[in-house]
Amino acid sequence: MSDKSRRQLLDILALAPVIPVITIEDASHAVPLARALVAGGLPTIEITLRTAAAMEAARAIMAEVPQAVVGIGTVLTPGDLERACTLGAAFAVSPGVTADLLTAAAICELPFAPGIQTASDLITCVTHGFDIVKFFPAVPAGGLPALNALSGPFPQVRYCPTGGIGAANAVEWLAHPKVAAVGGSWVAPTPDITSAAWPAIEQRARAAAALRSRAPTAHQ
């Protein structure tokens, strides 16, 4: 990762303590959803490539909600990464890591957070120049004790943990000095998206945006 891409990714992660991880089935829901999240104080949004509507949804948000910072998640292949670059996404996230993905990310210079779970994953990332990563699935992979253990041999790495994190435990993760932000689907769960429950999503976004103030040791 270039220094420019690294700075851009850190700036994106600093925008809000929580990045909503969105799985959207109907692209027509994208714009009102993004407006609810932005109004609640969460401008950074990860649209996962888990549905056929994902790219159309991301494109609509970028066109109609300029305050939103749209990233592409569930990036599995260099082709996925190329699609995110071509779209003009602000960043990309993967649930895991391969050398091919890291090579492709270095070429397109899109701010990219590869997914890690083990020390071997981190060695792969760090030796390719990537020291801002997604820790996934954070809770099943060992939770904060695992993150503490990994922080010993990799003191330079910053994390965006995702997986098993919700309103009840997000503040604990945000208090960790190596955690730049957390990701999760609890702010905008699929049932609320499909039922157009925008006020409920905005309310949860406001609560999530306030979490950093409850984690006074974070980012120090």
Protein backbone atom coordinates (compact mmCIF):
# COMPACT_ATOMS: atom_id res chain seq x y z
CA MET A 1 0.00 0.00 0.00
CA SER A 2 1.35 3.41 -0.90
CA ASP A 3 1.72 6.08 1.76
CA LYS A 4 -1.06 8.04 0.05
CA SER A 5 -3.48 5.09 0.14
CA ARG A 6 -2.57 4.37 3.74
CA ARG A 7 -3.29 7.95 4.79
CA GLN A 8 -6.56 7.90 2.89
CA LEU A 9 -7.65 4.68 4.60
CA LEU A 10 -6.77 6.02 8.05
CA ASP A 11 -8.74 9.19 7.28
CA ILE A 12 -11.74 7.12 6.18
CA LEU A 13 -11.63 4.98 9.34
CA ALA A 14 -11.43 8.13 11.46
CA LEU A 15 -14.70 9.53 10.09
CA ALA A 16 -16.87 7.47 12.46
CA PRO A 17 -16.33 4.74 15.04
CA VAL A 18 -18.60 2.27 13.25
CA ILE A 19 -18.72 1.26 9.60
CA PRO A 20 -22.10 -0.26 8.74
CA VAL A 21 -21.66 -3.47 6.78
CA ILE A 22 -24.56 -3.54 4.33
CA THR A 23 -26.06 -6.44 2.42
CA ILE A 24 -28.66 -5.00 0.10
CA GLU A 25 -31.07 -7.04 -2.00
CA ASP A 26 -32.93 -4.20 -3.73
CA ALA A 27 -30.92 -1.30 -5.13
CA SER A 28 -33.92 1.03 -4.73
CA HIS A 29 -33.32 0.91 -0.97
CA ALA A 30 -29.75 2.16 -1.28
CA VAL A 31 -30.25 5.91 -1.34
CA PRO A 32 -32.77 6.22 1.54
CA LEU A 33 -30.63 3.82 3.56
CA ALA A 34 -27.50 5.89 2.99
CA ARG A 35 -29.35 9.08 3.86
CA ALA A 36 -30.49 7.56 7.16
CA LEU A 37 -26.96 6.44 8.01
CA VAL A 38 -25.42 9.81 7.13
CA ALA A 39 -28.11 11.66 9.09
CA GLY A 40 -27.28 9.47 12.07
CA GLY A 41 -23.59 10.33 11.88
CA LEU A 42 -22.18 7.30 10.04
CA PRO A 43 -21.01 8.51 6.61
CA THR A 44 -18.71 5.55 5.90
CA ILE A 45 -20.63 2.63 4.40
CA GLU A 46 -19.43 -0.79 3.27
CA ILE A 47 -21.59 -2.35 0.57
CA THR A 48 -20.86 -6.06 0.43
CA LEU A 49 -20.62 -7.96 -2.84
CA ARG A 50 -23.02 -10.61 -1.57
CA THR A 51 -25.96 -9.80 -3.83
CA ALA A 52 -26.54 -8.97 -7.48
CA ALA A 53 -27.74 -5.50 -6.45
CA ALA A 54 -24.53 -4.50 -4.66
CA MET A 55 -22.76 -2.56 -7.39
CA GLU A 56 -25.91 -0.79 -8.54
CA ALA A 57 -26.64 0.15 -4.93
CA ALA A 58 -23.15 1.52 -4.41
CA ARG A 59 -23.33 3.47 -7.66
CA ALA A 60 -26.66 5.03 -6.66
CA ILE A 61 -25.38 6.12 -3.25
CA MET A 62 -22.27 7.68 -4.77
CA ALA A 63 -24.41 9.61 -7.27
CA GLU A 64 -27.16 10.79 -4.93
CA VAL A 65 -25.67 10.94 -1.42
CA PRO A 66 -22.41 12.86 -1.79
CA GLN A 67 -21.85 12.95 1.98
CA ALA A 68 -21.52 9.17 2.03
CA VAL A 69 -18.10 7.51 1.76
CA VAL A 70 -18.82 4.29 -0.08
CA GLY A 71 -16.61 1.24 0.13
CA ILE A 72 -16.95 -2.22 -1.39
CA GLY A 73 -16.77 -5.24 0.88
CA THR A 74 -16.57 -9.01 0.46
CA VAL A 75 -13.83 -8.47 -2.10
CA LEU A 76 -12.61 -11.99 -2.88
CA THR A 77 -10.67 -11.71 -6.14
CA PRO A 78 -8.55 -9.22 -8.07
CA GLY A 79 -11.55 -8.92 -10.40
CA ASP A 80 -13.72 -7.75 -7.49
CA LEU A 81 -11.08 -5.20 -6.60
CA GLU A 82 -10.92 -3.99 -10.19
CA ARG A 83 -14.70 -3.54 -10.19
CA ALA A 84 -14.44 -1.43 -7.03
CA CYS A 85 -11.68 0.68 -8.60
CA THR A 86 -13.65 1.18 -11.81
CA LEU A 87 -16.73 2.16 -9.84
CA GLY A 88 -14.76 4.85 -8.03
CA ALA A 89 -15.29 3.42 -4.55
CA ALA A 90 -13.51 5.20 -1.71
CA PHE A 91 -12.10 1.98 -0.26
CA ALA A 92 -12.36 -1.80 -0.37
CA VAL A 93 -12.42 -4.54 2.26
CA SER A 94 -11.82 -8.28 2.07
CA PRO A 95 -12.78 -10.98 4.59
CA GLY A 96 -9.43 -12.70 3.98
CA VAL A 97 -6.11 -12.25 2.23
CA THR A 98 -4.23 -13.66 -0.75
CA ALA A 99 -1.03 -12.51 -2.38
CA ASP A 100 -2.98 -11.91 -5.62
CA LEU A 101 -5.37 -9.55 -3.84
CA LEU A 102 -2.54 -7.58 -2.25
CA THR A 103 -0.71 -7.30 -5.57
CA ALA A 104 -3.88 -6.06 -7.29
CA ALA A 105 -4.52 -3.57 -4.49
CA ALA A 106 -1.02 -2.18 -4.82
CA ILE A 107 -1.50 -1.70 -8.57
CA CYS A 108 -4.84 0.14 -8.40
CA GLU A 109 -3.87 2.04 -5.23
CA LEU A 110 -7.39 1.86 -3.87
CA PRO A 111 -7.34 2.13 -0.06
CA PHE A 112 -7.72 -1.52 0.88
CA ALA A 113 -8.11 -3.36 4.17
CA PRO A 114 -7.34 -7.07 3.74
CA GLY A 115 -8.93 -9.50 6.17
CA ILE A 116 -6.78 -11.35 8.68
CA GLN A 117 -7.36 -13.94 11.39
CA THR A 118 -3.91 -15.34 12.15
CA ALA A 119 -0.30 -14.33 12.55
CA SER A 120 0.44 -15.92 9.18
CA ASP A 121 -2.19 -13.69 7.58
CA LEU A 122 -0.56 -10.67 9.18
CA ILE A 123 2.90 -11.66 7.95
CA THR A 124 1.50 -11.83 4.42
CA CYS A 125 -0.07 -8.39 4.77
CA VAL A 126 2.85 -6.66 6.46
CA THR A 127 5.44 -8.02 4.04
CA HIS A 128 3.32 -6.69 1.17
CA GLY A 129 3.13 -3.26 2.79
CA PHE A 130 -0.36 -3.47 4.30
CA ASP A 131 -0.56 -2.61 8.00
CA ILE A 132 -4.23 -1.58 8.26
CA VAL A 133 -6.39 -4.69 8.24
CA LYS A 134 -9.81 -6.11 8.92
CA PHE A 135 -9.83 -8.61 11.81
CA PHE A 136 -12.51 -11.11 10.81
CA PRO A 137 -14.45 -12.81 12.24
CA ALA A 138 -13.35 -10.87 15.29
CA VAL A 139 -15.27 -12.57 18.09
CA PRO A 140 -15.19 -16.16 16.77
CA ALA A 141 -11.46 -15.72 16.01
CA GLY A 142 -10.67 -15.12 19.66
CA GLY A 143 -11.98 -11.66 20.42
CA LEU A 144 -9.94 -9.03 22.25
CA PRO A 145 -7.53 -11.58 23.79
CA ALA A 146 -6.56 -12.65 20.26
CA LEU A 147 -6.15 -9.04 19.16
CA ASN A 148 -3.96 -8.34 22.19
CA ALA A 149 -1.79 -11.35 21.35
CA LEU A 150 -1.40 -10.30 17.71
CA SER A 151 -0.52 -6.74 18.72
CA GLY A 152 2.66 -7.99 20.41
CA PRO A 153 4.62 -9.15 17.34
CA PHE A 154 2.84 -6.67 15.03
CA PRO A 155 2.88 -3.36 16.96
CA GLN A 156 2.54 -1.26 13.79
CA VAL A 157 -0.75 -2.81 12.65
CA ARG A 158 -4.11 -1.05 13.01
CA TYR A 159 -7.37 -2.98 12.91
CA CYS A 160 -10.99 -2.68 11.87
CA PRO A 161 -12.58 -5.67 13.67
CA THR A 162 -15.78 -7.09 12.20
CA GLY A 163 -17.79 -10.21 13.01
CA GLY A 164 -19.67 -10.72 16.24
CA ILE A 165 -19.49 -7.04 17.15
CA GLY A 166 -22.68 -5.20 18.05
CA ALA A 167 -24.11 -2.47 20.23
CA ALA A 168 -23.40 -4.44 23.41
CA ASN A 169 -19.65 -4.90 22.90
CA ALA A 170 -18.49 -2.34 20.32
CA VAL A 171 -17.28 0.12 22.93
CA GLU A 172 -14.88 -2.49 24.36
CA TRP A 173 -13.30 -2.92 20.95
CA LEU A 174 -13.12 0.82 20.31
CA ALA A 175 -11.24 1.27 23.58
CA HIS A 176 -8.35 -0.80 22.21
CA PRO A 177 -5.49 1.48 21.10
CA LYS A 178 -4.92 -0.49 17.89
CA VAL A 179 -8.56 -0.38 16.75
CA ALA A 180 -9.24 2.41 14.25
CA ALA A 181 -12.96 1.59 13.85
CA VAL A 182 -15.28 -1.40 13.98
CA GLY A 183 -17.60 -2.82 11.37
CA GLY A 184 -20.94 -4.49 11.82
CA SER A 185 -24.36 -5.15 10.41
CA TRP A 186 -26.34 -4.37 13.55
CA VAL A 187 -26.91 -0.72 12.62
CA ALA A 188 -28.76 -1.60 9.42
CA PRO A 189 -29.88 -5.24 9.55
CA THR A 190 -31.35 -6.72 6.40
CA PRO A 191 -34.93 -6.97 7.77
CA ASP A 192 -34.95 -3.24 8.51
CA ILE A 193 -33.60 -2.47 5.05
CA THR A 194 -36.20 -4.60 3.29
CA SER A 195 -39.00 -3.06 5.38
CA ALA A 196 -37.69 0.49 4.80
CA ALA A 197 -37.35 1.16 8.54
CA TRP A 198 -35.23 4.25 7.97
CA PRO A 199 -36.04 6.03 11.27
CA ALA A 200 -34.96 2.95 13.26
CA ILE A 201 -31.73 2.72 11.26
CA GLU A 202 -31.02 6.42 11.77
CA GLN A 203 -31.59 6.03 15.51
CA ARG A 204 -29.16 3.12 15.73
CA ALA A 205 -26.66 5.08 13.64
CA ARG A 206 -26.81 7.94 16.13
CA ALA A 207 -26.17 5.56 18.99
CA ALA A 208 -23.28 3.96 17.12
CA ALA A 209 -21.76 7.33 16.21
CA ALA A 210 -21.68 8.21 19.93
CA LEU A 211 -19.74 5.09 20.90
CA ARG A 212 -16.30 6.60 20.47
CA SER A 213 -17.01 9.11 23.24
CA ARG A 214 -17.63 6.14 25.56
CA ALA A 215 -14.19 4.70 24.75
CA PRO A 216 -11.84 7.39 26.10
CA THR A 217 -8.67 5.35 25.65
CA ALA A 218 -9.25 4.67 21.95
CA HIS A 219 -6.74 5.93 19.37
CA GLN A 220 -4.18 7.04 21.92
